Structures are given as C-alpha cells and as structure tokens.
Amino acid sequence: MELLKTGNSRHIGKWFMVVSAFLTATGQLFWKWGHSDILYMAIGFVCYGLGAIFMIKSLALVKLSVAYPLMCISYIVALIYGDMFLGEPITLKKMAAVVLLGIGVTLTSYEK
C-alpha cells in the first residue's frame, strides 16, 4: 500500500497490467509443459487466473487505451520463455518484432 501513497500511484494500474502480462505468459508456458501433466496444467490455470485478476484491477484504474497495450509484454515474455525453456531460438526477425512492439507500447501507453 506504500506505493499508493507515493507519487507513483498514477502508475499502479500500469504495473498491474505488466504483472498480468507476466502471469499470463507464465501460465501459457505451464500449459505447454502440461499437455501430459495435470499438475503443470493446474499451475498454468492458477497463473492465468491471477493474471486475469491483475488485469481486471488494472482496467479499473487506468484507461483501456493505456493499459491494454501493455499486455503485449506477454509476447515478449513468451519469446524469452521459448528460448530459455523450450529451445526456440530468438532470430533477428523475432527481435525486430519485439523492438516494434516495444515502440508501439511506449507510444500507446504514454500519457502527459
């Protein structure tokens, strides 16, 4: 709650969406692993569910046009997870896509 008392309280909704993006991508990673393991599937559902809760809270605090583009962070996290845990190499083409996503998120979520 200390964060809400500081000058950063106007950004808390954005941070909730970032957490949601990480939890969503993590849930999907566990689903990928869990296609034959019910425990991994369950962990994936818990992560995804927590991500949904953080998303709902974020949308209650921040404009949709600001918060939702931050969900594309989940694509970046999934790309990194794919490389680290699934042996899916990060290519130049994928890196260019991540840079373009980052630019788009920055431009879309920036408010004066």
PDB file of N, CA and C in Angstrom:
ATOM      1  N   MET A   1       0.810  -1.194   0.000  1.00  0.00           N
ATOM      2  CA  MET A   1       0.000   0.000   0.000  1.00  0.00           C
ATOM      3  C   MET A   1       0.857   1.263   0.000  1.00  0.00           C
ATOM      4  N   GLU A   2       2.123   1.110   0.323  1.00  0.00           N
ATOM      5  CA  GLU A   2       3.015   2.272   0.341  1.00  0.00           C
ATOM      6  C   GLU A   2       3.096   2.903  -1.042  1.00  0.00           C
ATOM      7  N   LEU A   3       3.040   2.051  -2.074  1.00  0.00           N
ATOM      8  CA  LEU A   3       3.110   2.554  -3.443  1.00  0.00           C
ATOM      9  C   LEU A   3       1.958   3.502  -3.744  1.00  0.00           C
ATOM     10  N   LEU A   4       0.794   3.228  -3.183  1.00  0.00           N
ATOM     11  CA  LEU A   4      -0.369   4.078  -3.432  1.00  0.00           C
ATOM     12  C   LEU A   4      -0.224   5.443  -2.765  1.00  0.00           C
ATOM     13  N   LYS A   5       0.609   5.537  -1.732  1.00  0.00           N
ATOM     14  CA  LYS A   5       0.781   6.794  -1.012  1.00  0.00           C
ATOM     15  C   LYS A   5       1.825   7.687  -1.657  1.00  0.00           C
ATOM     16  N   THR A   6       2.630   7.127  -2.530  1.00  0.00           N
ATOM     17  CA  THR A   6       3.691   7.897  -3.168  1.00  0.00           C
ATOM     18  C   THR A   6       3.185   8.531  -4.451  1.00  0.00           C
ATOM     19  N   GLY A   7       4.066   9.254  -5.107  1.00  0.00           N
ATOM     20  CA  GLY A   7       3.725   9.886  -6.374  1.00  0.00           C
ATOM     21  C   GLY A   7       3.526   8.892  -7.494  1.00  0.00           C
ATOM     22  N   ASN A   8       3.859   7.629  -7.283  1.00  0.00           N
ATOM     23  CA  ASN A   8       3.730   6.608  -8.318  1.00  0.00           C
ATOM     24  C   ASN A   8       2.331   6.009  -8.398  1.00  0.00           C
ATOM     25  N   SER A   9       1.403   6.497  -7.586  1.00  0.00           N
ATOM     26  CA  SER A   9       0.076   5.876  -7.559  1.00  0.00           C
ATOM     27  C   SER A   9      -0.619   5.962  -8.917  1.00  0.00           C
ATOM     28  N   ARG A  10      -0.294   6.934  -9.732  1.00  0.00           N
ATOM     29  CA  ARG A  10      -0.927   7.026 -11.047  1.00  0.00           C
ATOM     30  C   ARG A  10      -0.418   5.950 -11.993  1.00  0.00           C
ATOM     31  N   HIS A  11       0.653   5.269 -11.614  1.00  0.00           N
ATOM     32  CA  HIS A  11       1.209   4.204 -12.460  1.00  0.00           C
ATOM     33  C   HIS A  11       0.857   2.808 -11.964  1.00  0.00           C
ATOM     34  N   ILE A  12       0.183   2.695 -10.829  1.00  0.00           N
ATOM     35  CA  ILE A  12      -0.088   1.375 -10.262  1.00  0.00           C
ATOM     36  C   ILE A  12      -0.913   0.504 -11.216  1.00  0.00           C
ATOM     37  N   GLY A  13      -1.863   1.098 -11.910  1.00  0.00           N
ATOM     38  CA  GLY A  13      -2.660   0.332 -12.869  1.00  0.00           C
ATOM     39  C   GLY A  13      -1.818  -0.230 -13.994  1.00  0.00           C
ATOM     40  N   LYS A  14      -0.831   0.544 -14.430  1.00  0.00           N
ATOM     41  CA  LYS A  14       0.084   0.057 -15.472  1.00  0.00           C
ATOM     42  C   LYS A  14       0.911  -1.114 -14.952  1.00  0.00           C
ATOM     43  N   TRP A  15       1.382  -0.997 -13.706  1.00  0.00           N
ATOM     44  CA  TRP A  15       2.168  -2.084 -13.114  1.00  0.00           C
ATOM     45  C   TRP A  15       1.314  -3.341 -12.960  1.00  0.00           C
ATOM     46  N   PHE A  16       0.051  -3.180 -12.600  1.00  0.00           N
ATOM     47  CA  PHE A  16      -0.839  -4.337 -12.511  1.00  0.00           C
ATOM     48  C   PHE A  16      -0.946  -5.037 -13.863  1.00  0.00           C
ATOM     49  N   MET A  17      -0.992  -4.286 -14.938  1.00  0.00           N
ATOM     50  CA  MET A  17      -1.095  -4.879 -16.270  1.00  0.00           C
ATOM     51  C   MET A  17       0.211  -5.588 -16.643  1.00  0.00           C
ATOM     52  N   VAL A  18       1.344  -5.027 -16.251  1.00  0.00           N
ATOM     53  CA  VAL A  18       2.631  -5.689 -16.506  1.00  0.00           C
ATOM     54  C   VAL A  18       2.688  -7.014 -15.764  1.00  0.00           C
ATOM     55  N   VAL A  19       2.265  -7.023 -14.499  1.00  0.00           N
ATOM     56  CA  VAL A  19       2.227  -8.265 -13.724  1.00  0.00           C
ATOM     57  C   VAL A  19       1.278  -9.256 -14.399  1.00  0.00           C
ATOM     58  N   SER A  20       0.142  -8.768 -14.866  1.00  0.00           N
ATOM     59  CA  SER A  20      -0.805  -9.613 -15.576  1.00  0.00           C
ATOM     60  C   SER A  20      -0.162 -10.249 -16.805  1.00  0.00           C
ATOM     61  N   ALA A  21       0.611  -9.473 -17.549  1.00  0.00           N
ATOM     62  CA  ALA A  21       1.278  -9.991 -18.751  1.00  0.00           C
ATOM     63  C   ALA A  21       2.253 -11.113 -18.392  1.00  0.00           C
ATOM     64  N   PHE A  22       3.039 -10.917 -17.332  1.00  0.00           N
ATOM     65  CA  PHE A  22       3.988 -11.954 -16.907  1.00  0.00           C
ATOM     66  C   PHE A  22       3.249 -13.211 -16.460  1.00  0.00           C
ATOM     67  N   LEU A  23       2.199 -13.047 -15.663  1.00  0.00           N
ATOM     68  CA  LEU A  23       1.452 -14.202 -15.186  1.00  0.00           C
ATOM     69  C   LEU A  23       0.765 -14.941 -16.327  1.00  0.00           C
ATOM     70  N   THR A  24       0.245 -14.212 -17.286  1.00  0.00           N
ATOM     71  CA  THR A  24      -0.414 -14.826 -18.434  1.00  0.00           C
ATOM     72  C   THR A  24       0.579 -15.657 -19.250  1.00  0.00           C
ATOM     73  N   ALA A  25       1.731 -15.079 -19.545  1.00  0.00           N
ATOM     74  CA  ALA A  25       2.748 -15.812 -20.311  1.00  0.00           C
ATOM     75  C   ALA A  25       3.259 -17.016 -19.534  1.00  0.00           C
ATOM     76  N   THR A  26       3.411 -16.864 -18.233  1.00  0.00           N
ATOM     77  CA  THR A  26       3.870 -17.979 -17.401  1.00  0.00           C
ATOM     78  C   THR A  26       2.830 -19.090 -17.387  1.00  0.00           C
ATOM     79  N   GLY A  27       1.566 -18.710 -17.281  1.00  0.00           N
ATOM     80  CA  GLY A  27       0.503 -19.709 -17.340  1.00  0.00           C
ATOM     81  C   GLY A  27       0.517 -20.470 -18.646  1.00  0.00           C
ATOM     82  N   GLN A  28       0.737 -19.780 -19.741  1.00  0.00           N
ATOM     83  CA  GLN A  28       0.782 -20.435 -21.043  1.00  0.00           C
ATOM     84  C   GLN A  28       1.987 -21.360 -21.164  1.00  0.00           C
ATOM     85  N   LEU A  29       3.110 -20.976 -20.562  1.00  0.00           N
ATOM     86  CA  LEU A  29       4.288 -21.853 -20.558  1.00  0.00           C
ATOM     87  C   LEU A  29       3.968 -23.146 -19.817  1.00  0.00           C
ATOM     88  N   PHE A  30       3.322 -23.034 -18.666  1.00  0.00           N
ATOM     89  CA  PHE A  30       2.960 -24.232 -17.916  1.00  0.00           C
ATOM     90  C   PHE A  30       1.949 -25.087 -18.676  1.00  0.00           C
ATOM     91  N   TRP A  31       1.042 -24.449 -19.427  1.00  0.00           N
ATOM     92  CA  TRP A  31       0.118 -25.226 -20.253  1.00  0.00           C
ATOM     93  C   TRP A  31       0.875 -25.998 -21.329  1.00  0.00           C
ATOM     94  N   LYS A  32       1.884 -25.363 -21.896  1.00  0.00           N
ATOM     95  CA  LYS A  32       2.701 -26.022 -22.915  1.00  0.00           C
ATOM     96  C   LYS A  32       3.379 -27.258 -22.315  1.00  0.00           C
ATOM     97  N   TRP A  33       3.945 -27.082 -21.118  1.00  0.00           N
ATOM     98  CA  TRP A  33       4.577 -28.206 -20.443  1.00  0.00           C
ATOM     99  C   TRP A  33       3.550 -29.237 -19.978  1.00  0.00           C
ATOM    100  N   GLY A  34       2.357 -28.786 -19.677  1.00  0.00           N
ATOM    101  CA  GLY A  34       1.373 -29.625 -19.027  1.00  0.00           C
ATOM    102  C   GLY A  34       0.479 -30.436 -19.922  1.00  0.00           C
ATOM    103  N   HIS A  35       0.765 -30.477 -21.214  1.00  0.00           N
ATOM    104  CA  HIS A  35      -0.120 -31.235 -22.095  1.00  0.00           C
ATOM    105  C   HIS A  35      -0.216 -32.701 -21.678  1.00  0.00           C
ATOM    106  N   SER A  36       0.743 -33.189 -20.876  1.00  0.00           N
ATOM    107  CA  SER A  36       0.667 -34.567 -20.372  1.00  0.00           C
ATOM    108  C   SER A  36       0.851 -34.627 -18.852  1.00  0.00           C
ATOM    109  N   ASP A  37       0.791 -33.483 -18.172  1.00  0.00           N
ATOM    110  CA  ASP A  37       0.981 -33.452 -16.718  1.00  0.00           C
ATOM    111  C   ASP A  37      -0.070 -32.533 -16.088  1.00  0.00           C
ATOM    112  N   ILE A  38      -0.983 -33.119 -15.349  1.00  0.00           N
ATOM    113  CA  ILE A  38      -2.100 -32.369 -14.784  1.00  0.00           C
ATOM    114  C   ILE A  38      -1.634 -31.313 -13.785  1.00  0.00           C
ATOM    115  N   LEU A  39      -0.522 -31.545 -13.071  1.00  0.00           N
ATOM    116  CA  LEU A  39      -0.020 -30.559 -12.117  1.00  0.00           C
ATOM    117  C   LEU A  39       0.416 -29.287 -12.834  1.00  0.00           C
ATOM    118  N   TYR A  40       1.136 -29.444 -13.939  1.00  0.00           N
ATOM    119  CA  TYR A  40       1.548 -28.267 -14.715  1.00  0.00           C
ATOM    120  C   TYR A  40       0.340 -27.531 -15.290  1.00  0.00           C
ATOM    121  N   MET A  41      -0.654 -28.288 -15.725  1.00  0.00           N
ATOM    122  CA  MET A  41      -1.877 -27.652 -16.229  1.00  0.00           C
ATOM    123  C   MET A  41      -2.526 -26.819 -15.129  1.00  0.00           C
ATOM    124  N   ALA A  42      -2.575 -27.367 -13.919  1.00  0.00           N
ATOM    125  CA  ALA A  42      -3.187 -26.657 -12.797  1.00  0.00           C
ATOM    126  C   ALA A  42      -2.401 -25.393 -12.455  1.00  0.00           C
ATOM    127  N   ILE A  43      -1.076 -25.496 -12.444  1.00  0.00           N
ATOM    128  CA  ILE A  43      -0.239 -24.315 -12.172  1.00  0.00           C
ATOM    129  C   ILE A  43      -0.488 -23.255 -13.251  1.00  0.00           C
ATOM    130  N   GLY A  44      -0.615 -23.696 -14.490  1.00  0.00           N
ATOM    131  CA  GLY A  44      -0.902 -22.778 -15.587  1.00  0.00           C
ATOM    132  C   GLY A  44      -2.224 -22.052 -15.379  1.00  0.00           C
ATOM    133  N   PHE A  45      -3.248 -22.774 -14.942  1.00  0.00           N
ATOM    134  CA  PHE A  45      -4.549 -22.145 -14.698  1.00  0.00           C
ATOM    135  C   PHE A  45      -4.476 -21.151 -13.544  1.00  0.00           C
ATOM    136  N   VAL A  46      -3.711 -21.475 -12.502  1.00  0.00           N
ATOM    137  CA  VAL A  46      -3.559 -20.545 -11.373  1.00  0.00           C
ATOM    138  C   VAL A  46      -2.865 -19.265 -11.842  1.00  0.00           C
ATOM    139  N   CYS A  47      -1.769 -19.419 -12.582  1.00  0.00           N
ATOM    140  CA  CYS A  47      -1.062 -18.230 -13.094  1.00  0.00           C
ATOM    141  C   CYS A  47      -1.965 -17.398 -13.990  1.00  0.00           C
ATOM    142  N   TYR A  48      -2.672 -18.063 -14.886  1.00  0.00           N
ATOM    143  CA  TYR A  48      -3.549 -17.349 -15.821  1.00  0.00           C
ATOM    144  C   TYR A  48      -4.685 -16.652 -15.073  1.00  0.00           C
ATOM    145  N   GLY A  49      -5.238 -17.324 -14.076  1.00  0.00           N
ATOM    146  CA  GLY A  49      -6.305 -16.733 -13.271  1.00  0.00           C
ATOM    147  C   GLY A  49      -5.836 -15.519 -12.495  1.00  0.00           C
ATOM    148  N   LEU A  50      -4.643 -15.608 -11.890  1.00  0.00           N
ATOM    149  CA  LEU A  50      -4.082 -14.453 -11.198  1.00  0.00           C
ATOM    150  C   LEU A  50      -3.824 -13.308 -12.174  1.00  0.00           C
ATOM    151  N   GLY A  51      -3.373 -13.659 -13.366  1.00  0.00           N
ATOM    152  CA  GLY A  51      -3.177 -12.639 -14.398  1.00  0.00           C
ATOM    153  C   GLY A  51      -4.472 -11.922 -14.727  1.00  0.00           C
ATOM    154  N   ALA A  52      -5.565 -12.675 -14.789  1.00  0.00           N
ATOM    155  CA  ALA A  52      -6.875 -12.066 -15.068  1.00  0.00           C
ATOM    156  C   ALA A  52      -7.285 -11.122 -13.945  1.00  0.00           C
ATOM    157  N   ILE A  53      -7.014 -11.498 -12.714  1.00  0.00           N
ATOM    158  CA  ILE A  53      -7.352 -10.635 -11.575  1.00  0.00           C
ATOM    159  C   ILE A  53      -6.568  -9.335 -11.640  1.00  0.00           C
ATOM    160  N   PHE A  54      -5.270  -9.438 -11.930  1.00  0.00           N
ATOM    161  CA  PHE A  54      -4.461  -8.225 -12.057  1.00  0.00           C
ATOM    162  C   PHE A  54      -4.936  -7.365 -13.224  1.00  0.00           C
ATOM    163  N   MET A  55      -5.369  -8.008 -14.320  1.00  0.00           N
ATOM    164  CA  MET A  55      -5.861  -7.257 -15.477  1.00  0.00           C
ATOM    165  C   MET A  55      -7.141  -6.503 -15.120  1.00  0.00           C
ATOM    166  N   ILE A  56      -8.048  -7.157 -14.440  1.00  0.00           N
ATOM    167  CA  ILE A  56      -9.307  -6.513 -14.046  1.00  0.00           C
ATOM    168  C   ILE A  56      -9.023  -5.310 -13.153  1.00  0.00           C
ATOM    169  N   LYS A  57      -8.121  -5.473 -12.202  1.00  0.00           N
ATOM    170  CA  LYS A  57      -7.776  -4.356 -11.315  1.00  0.00           C
ATOM    171  C   LYS A  57      -7.128  -3.222 -12.108  1.00  0.00           C
ATOM    172  N   SER A  58      -6.263  -3.566 -13.037  1.00  0.00           N
ATOM    173  CA  SER A  58      -5.619  -2.554 -13.868  1.00  0.00           C
ATOM    174  C   SER A  58      -6.647  -1.767 -14.673  1.00  0.00           C
ATOM    175  N   LEU A  59      -7.586  -2.481 -15.286  1.00  0.00           N
ATOM    176  CA  LEU A  59      -8.590  -1.818 -16.106  1.00  0.00           C
ATOM    177  C   LEU A  59      -9.515  -0.929 -15.280  1.00  0.00           C
ATOM    178  N   ALA A  60      -9.624  -1.221 -13.988  1.00  0.00           N
ATOM    179  CA  ALA A  60     -10.422  -0.369 -13.109  1.00  0.00           C
ATOM    180  C   ALA A  60      -9.689   0.932 -12.771  1.00  0.00           C
ATOM    181  N   LEU A  61      -8.370   0.930 -12.922  1.00  0.00           N
ATOM    182  CA  LEU A  61      -7.558   2.085 -12.519  1.00  0.00           C
ATOM    183  C   LEU A  61      -7.076   2.941 -13.684  1.00  0.00           C
ATOM    184  N   VAL A  62      -6.958   2.344 -14.865  1.00  0.00           N
ATOM    185  CA  VAL A  62      -6.317   3.020 -15.998  1.00  0.00           C
ATOM    186  C   VAL A  62      -7.221   2.895 -17.220  1.00  0.00           C
ATOM    187  N   LYS A  63      -7.142   3.868 -18.105  1.00  0.00           N
ATOM    188  CA  LYS A  63      -7.905   3.812 -19.351  1.00  0.00           C
ATOM    189  C   LYS A  63      -7.522   2.566 -20.144  1.00  0.00           C
ATOM    190  N   LEU A  64      -8.506   1.983 -20.796  1.00  0.00           N
ATOM    191  CA  LEU A  64      -8.285   0.794 -21.613  1.00  0.00           C
ATOM    192  C   LEU A  64      -7.208   1.041 -22.661  1.00  0.00           C
ATOM    193  N   SER A  65      -7.233   2.206 -23.278  1.00  0.00           N
ATOM    194  CA  SER A  65      -6.281   2.515 -24.350  1.00  0.00           C
ATOM    195  C   SER A  65      -4.853   2.649 -23.832  1.00  0.00           C
ATOM    196  N   VAL A  66      -4.694   2.820 -22.541  1.00  0.00           N
ATOM    197  CA  VAL A  66      -3.360   2.898 -21.932  1.00  0.00           C
ATOM    198  C   VAL A  66      -2.940   1.532 -21.398  1.00  0.00           C
ATOM    199  N   ALA A  67      -3.847   0.858 -20.690  1.00  0.00           N
ATOM    200  CA  ALA A  67      -3.491  -0.396 -20.020  1.00  0.00           C
ATOM    201  C   ALA A  67      -3.340  -1.567 -20.987  1.00  0.00           C
ATOM    202  N   TYR A  68      -4.283  -1.732 -21.889  1.00  0.00           N
ATOM    203  CA  TYR A  68      -4.299  -2.951 -22.687  1.00  0.00           C
ATOM    204  C   TYR A  68      -3.081  -3.138 -23.588  1.00  0.00           C
ATOM    205  N   PRO A  69      -2.542  -2.095 -24.188  1.00  0.00           N
ATOM    206  CA  PRO A  69      -1.335  -2.319 -24.999  1.00  0.00           C
ATOM    207  C   PRO A  69      -0.168  -2.904 -24.202  1.00  0.00           C
ATOM    208  N   LEU A  70      -0.166  -2.706 -22.899  1.00  0.00           N
ATOM    209  CA  LEU A  70       0.903  -3.275 -22.082  1.00  0.00           C
ATOM    210  C   LEU A  70       0.842  -4.804 -22.043  1.00  0.00           C
ATOM    211  N   MET A  71      -0.313  -5.362 -22.395  1.00  0.00           N
ATOM    212  CA  MET A  71      -0.418  -6.819 -22.447  1.00  0.00           C
ATOM    213  C   MET A  71       0.504  -7.420 -23.497  1.00  0.00           C
ATOM    214  N   CYS A  72       0.958  -6.632 -24.454  1.00  0.00           N
ATOM    215  CA  CYS A  72       1.866  -7.187 -25.464  1.00  0.00           C
ATOM    216  C   CYS A  72       3.197  -7.585 -24.840  1.00  0.00           C
ATOM    217  N   ILE A  73       3.430  -7.144 -23.620  1.00  0.00           N
ATOM    218  CA  ILE A  73       4.632  -7.598 -22.910  1.00  0.00           C
ATOM    219  C   ILE A  73       4.602  -9.121 -22.786  1.00  0.00           C
ATOM    220  N   SER A  74       3.416  -9.700 -22.739  1.00  0.00           N
ATOM    221  CA  SER A  74       3.328 -11.160 -22.645  1.00  0.00           C
ATOM    222  C   SER A  74       3.941 -11.823 -23.884  1.00  0.00           C
ATOM    223  N   TYR A  75       3.864 -11.175 -25.052  1.00  0.00           N
ATOM    224  CA  TYR A  75       4.508 -11.720 -26.249  1.00  0.00           C
ATOM    225  C   TYR A  75       6.030 -11.729 -26.090  1.00  0.00           C
ATOM    226  N   ILE A  76       6.547 -10.688 -25.506  1.00  0.00           N
ATOM    227  CA  ILE A  76       7.990 -10.592 -25.283  1.00  0.00           C
ATOM    228  C   ILE A  76       8.433 -11.649 -24.280  1.00  0.00           C
ATOM    229  N   VAL A  77       7.679 -11.776 -23.191  1.00  0.00           N
ATOM    230  CA  VAL A  77       7.994 -12.784 -22.179  1.00  0.00           C
ATOM    231  C   VAL A  77       7.907 -14.181 -22.789  1.00  0.00           C
ATOM    232  N   ALA A  78       6.880 -14.439 -23.595  1.00  0.00           N
ATOM    233  CA  ALA A  78       6.739 -15.744 -24.238  1.00  0.00           C
ATOM    234  C   ALA A  78       7.910 -16.039 -25.174  1.00  0.00           C
ATOM    235  N   LEU A  79       8.392 -15.026 -25.867  1.00  0.00           N
ATOM    236  CA  LEU A  79       9.559 -15.201 -26.739  1.00  0.00           C
ATOM    237  C   LEU A  79      10.778 -15.609 -25.919  1.00  0.00           C
ATOM    238  N   ILE A  80      10.978 -14.948 -24.800  1.00  0.00           N
ATOM    239  CA  ILE A  80      12.112 -15.266 -23.918  1.00  0.00           C
ATOM    240  C   ILE A  80      11.938 -16.652 -23.305  1.00  0.00           C
ATOM    241  N   TYR A  81      10.718 -16.955 -22.828  1.00  0.00           N
ATOM    242  CA  TYR A  81      10.453 -18.291 -22.283  1.00  0.00           C
ATOM    243  C   TYR A  81      10.718 -19.368 -23.329  1.00  0.00           C
ATOM    244  N   GLY A  82      10.295 -19.127 -24.569  1.00  0.00           N
ATOM    245  CA  GLY A  82      10.512 -20.095 -25.630  1.00  0.00           C
ATOM    246  C   GLY A  82      11.984 -20.391 -25.831  1.00  0.00           C
ATOM    247  N   ASP A  83      12.792 -19.343 -25.797  1.00  0.00           N
ATOM    248  CA  ASP A  83      14.233 -19.516 -25.955  1.00  0.00           C
ATOM    249  C   ASP A  83      14.842 -20.229 -24.747  1.00  0.00           C
ATOM    250  N   MET A  84      14.488 -19.768 -23.546  1.00  0.00           N
ATOM    251  CA  MET A  84      15.110 -20.293 -22.330  1.00  0.00           C
ATOM    252  C   MET A  84      14.668 -21.717 -21.986  1.00  0.00           C
ATOM    253  N   PHE A  85      13.383 -22.014 -22.155  1.00  0.00           N
ATOM    254  CA  PHE A  85      12.844 -23.266 -21.650  1.00  0.00           C
ATOM    255  C   PHE A  85      12.420 -24.267 -22.713  1.00  0.00           C
ATOM    256  N   LEU A  86      12.218 -23.798 -23.944  1.00  0.00           N
ATOM    257  CA  LEU A  86      11.700 -24.695 -24.975  1.00  0.00           C
ATOM    258  C   LEU A  86      12.637 -24.876 -26.162  1.00  0.00           C
ATOM    259  N   GLY A  87      13.798 -24.225 -26.120  1.00  0.00           N
ATOM    260  CA  GLY A  87      14.763 -24.379 -27.193  1.00  0.00           C
ATOM    261  C   GLY A  87      14.355 -23.722 -28.498  1.00  0.00           C
ATOM    262  N   GLU A  88      13.503 -22.704 -28.432  1.00  0.00           N
ATOM    263  CA  GLU A  88      13.079 -21.977 -29.627  1.00  0.00           C
ATOM    264  C   GLU A  88      13.980 -20.755 -29.786  1.00  0.00           C
ATOM    265  N   PRO A  89      14.854 -20.758 -30.781  1.00  0.00           N
ATOM    266  CA  PRO A  89      15.844 -19.680 -30.891  1.00  0.00           C
ATOM    267  C   PRO A  89      15.208 -18.319 -31.199  1.00  0.00           C
ATOM    268  N   ILE A  90      15.810 -17.287 -30.658  1.00  0.00           N
ATOM    269  CA  ILE A  90      15.394 -15.918 -30.955  1.00  0.00           C
ATOM    270  C   ILE A  90      16.167 -15.471 -32.194  1.00  0.00           C
ATOM    271  N   THR A  91      15.444 -15.203 -33.252  1.00  0.00           N
ATOM    272  CA  THR A  91      16.059 -14.799 -34.512  1.00  0.00           C
ATOM    273  C   THR A  91      16.045 -13.275 -34.644  1.00  0.00           C
ATOM    274  N   LEU A  92      16.750 -12.780 -35.650  1.00  0.00           N
ATOM    275  CA  LEU A  92      16.765 -11.349 -35.929  1.00  0.00           C
ATOM    276  C   LEU A  92      15.349 -10.844 -36.229  1.00  0.00           C
ATOM    277  N   LYS A  93      14.593 -11.631 -36.961  1.00  0.00           N
ATOM    278  CA  LYS A  93      13.213 -11.269 -37.303  1.00  0.00           C
ATOM    279  C   LYS A  93      12.362 -11.142 -36.034  1.00  0.00           C
ATOM    280  N   LYS A  94      12.520 -12.077 -35.113  1.00  0.00           N
ATOM    281  CA  LYS A  94      11.769 -12.022 -33.860  1.00  0.00           C
ATOM    282  C   LYS A  94      12.210 -10.828 -33.017  1.00  0.00           C
ATOM    283  N   MET A  95      13.490 -10.538 -33.012  1.00  0.00           N
ATOM    284  CA  MET A  95      13.993  -9.377 -32.254  1.00  0.00           C
ATOM    285  C   MET A  95      13.436  -8.075 -32.823  1.00  0.00           C
ATOM    286  N   ALA A  96      13.369  -7.982 -34.148  1.00  0.00           N
ATOM    287  CA  ALA A  96      12.794  -6.791 -34.777  1.00  0.00           C
ATOM    288  C   ALA A  96      11.327  -6.629 -34.366  1.00  0.00           C
ATOM    289  N   ALA A  97      10.607  -7.737 -34.319  1.00  0.00           N
ATOM    290  CA  ALA A  97       9.208  -7.683 -33.898  1.00  0.00           C
ATOM    291  C   ALA A  97       9.089  -7.204 -32.449  1.00  0.00           C
ATOM    292  N   VAL A  98       9.978  -7.662 -31.575  1.00  0.00           N
ATOM    293  CA  VAL A  98       9.969  -7.240 -30.172  1.00  0.00           C
ATOM    294  C   VAL A  98      10.261  -5.749 -30.060  1.00  0.00           C
ATOM    295  N   VAL A  99      11.204  -5.256 -30.838  1.00  0.00           N
ATOM    296  CA  VAL A  99      11.520  -3.827 -30.822  1.00  0.00           C
ATOM    297  C   VAL A  99      10.309  -3.009 -31.283  1.00  0.00           C
ATOM    298  N   LEU A 100       9.674  -3.449 -32.352  1.00  0.00           N
ATOM    299  CA  LEU A 100       8.488  -2.741 -32.839  1.00  0.00           C
ATOM    300  C   LEU A 100       7.354  -2.773 -31.813  1.00  0.00           C
ATOM    301  N   LEU A 101       7.165  -3.911 -31.152  1.00  0.00           N
ATOM    302  CA  LEU A 101       6.165  -3.993 -30.084  1.00  0.00           C
ATOM    303  C   LEU A 101       6.489  -3.020 -28.955  1.00  0.00           C
ATOM    304  N   GLY A 102       7.755  -2.978 -28.572  1.00  0.00           N
ATOM    305  CA  GLY A 102       8.172  -2.066 -27.512  1.00  0.00           C
ATOM    306  C   GLY A 102       7.923  -0.614 -27.865  1.00  0.00           C
ATOM    307  N   ILE A 103       8.220  -0.251 -29.093  1.00  0.00           N
ATOM    308  CA  ILE A 103       7.972   1.121 -29.543  1.00  0.00           C
ATOM    309  C   ILE A 103       6.475   1.411 -29.521  1.00  0.00           C
ATOM    310  N   GLY A 104       5.679   0.485 -30.018  1.00  0.00           N
ATOM    311  CA  GLY A 104       4.242   0.675 -30.031  1.00  0.00           C
ATOM    312  C   GLY A 104       3.657   0.801 -28.632  1.00  0.00           C
ATOM    313  N   VAL A 105       4.107  -0.039 -27.711  1.00  0.00           N
ATOM    314  CA  VAL A 105       3.623   0.034 -26.328  1.00  0.00           C
ATOM    315  C   VAL A 105       4.001   1.350 -25.698  1.00  0.00           C
ATOM    316  N   THR A 106       5.218   1.776 -25.914  1.00  0.00           N
ATOM    317  CA  THR A 106       5.669   3.051 -25.349  1.00  0.00           C
ATOM    318  C   THR A 106       4.827   4.206 -25.863  1.00  0.00           C
ATOM    319  N   LEU A 107       4.613   4.237 -27.171  1.00  0.00           N
ATOM    320  CA  LEU A 107       3.837   5.320 -27.750  1.00  0.00           C
ATOM    321  C   LEU A 107       2.366   5.287 -27.315  1.00  0.00           C
ATOM    322  N   THR A 108       1.808   4.100 -27.195  1.00  0.00           N
ATOM    323  CA  THR A 108       0.409   3.977 -26.854  1.00  0.00           C
ATOM    324  C   THR A 108       0.125   4.228 -25.385  1.00  0.00           C
ATOM    325  N   SER A 109       1.027   3.800 -24.511  1.00  0.00           N
ATOM    326  CA  SER A 109       0.754   3.898 -23.074  1.00  0.00           C
ATOM    327  C   SER A 109       1.277   5.177 -22.442  1.00  0.00           C
ATOM    328  N   TYR A 110       1.958   6.001 -23.196  1.00  0.00           N
ATOM    329  CA  TYR A 110       2.497   7.251 -22.646  1.00  0.00           C
ATOM    330  C   TYR A 110       1.405   8.297 -22.552  1.00  0.00           C
ATOM    331  N   GLU A 111       1.276   8.860 -21.366  1.00  0.00           N
ATOM    332  CA  GLU A 111       0.309   9.946 -21.156  1.00  0.00           C
ATOM    333  C   GLU A 111       1.043  11.160 -20.613  1.00  0.00           C
ATOM    334  N   LYS A 112       0.595  12.336 -21.028  1.00  0.00           N
ATOM    335  CA  LYS A 112       1.180  13.567 -20.477  1.00  0.00           C
ATOM    336  C   LYS A 112       0.365  14.017 -19.312  1.00  0.00           C
TER     337      LYS A 112
END
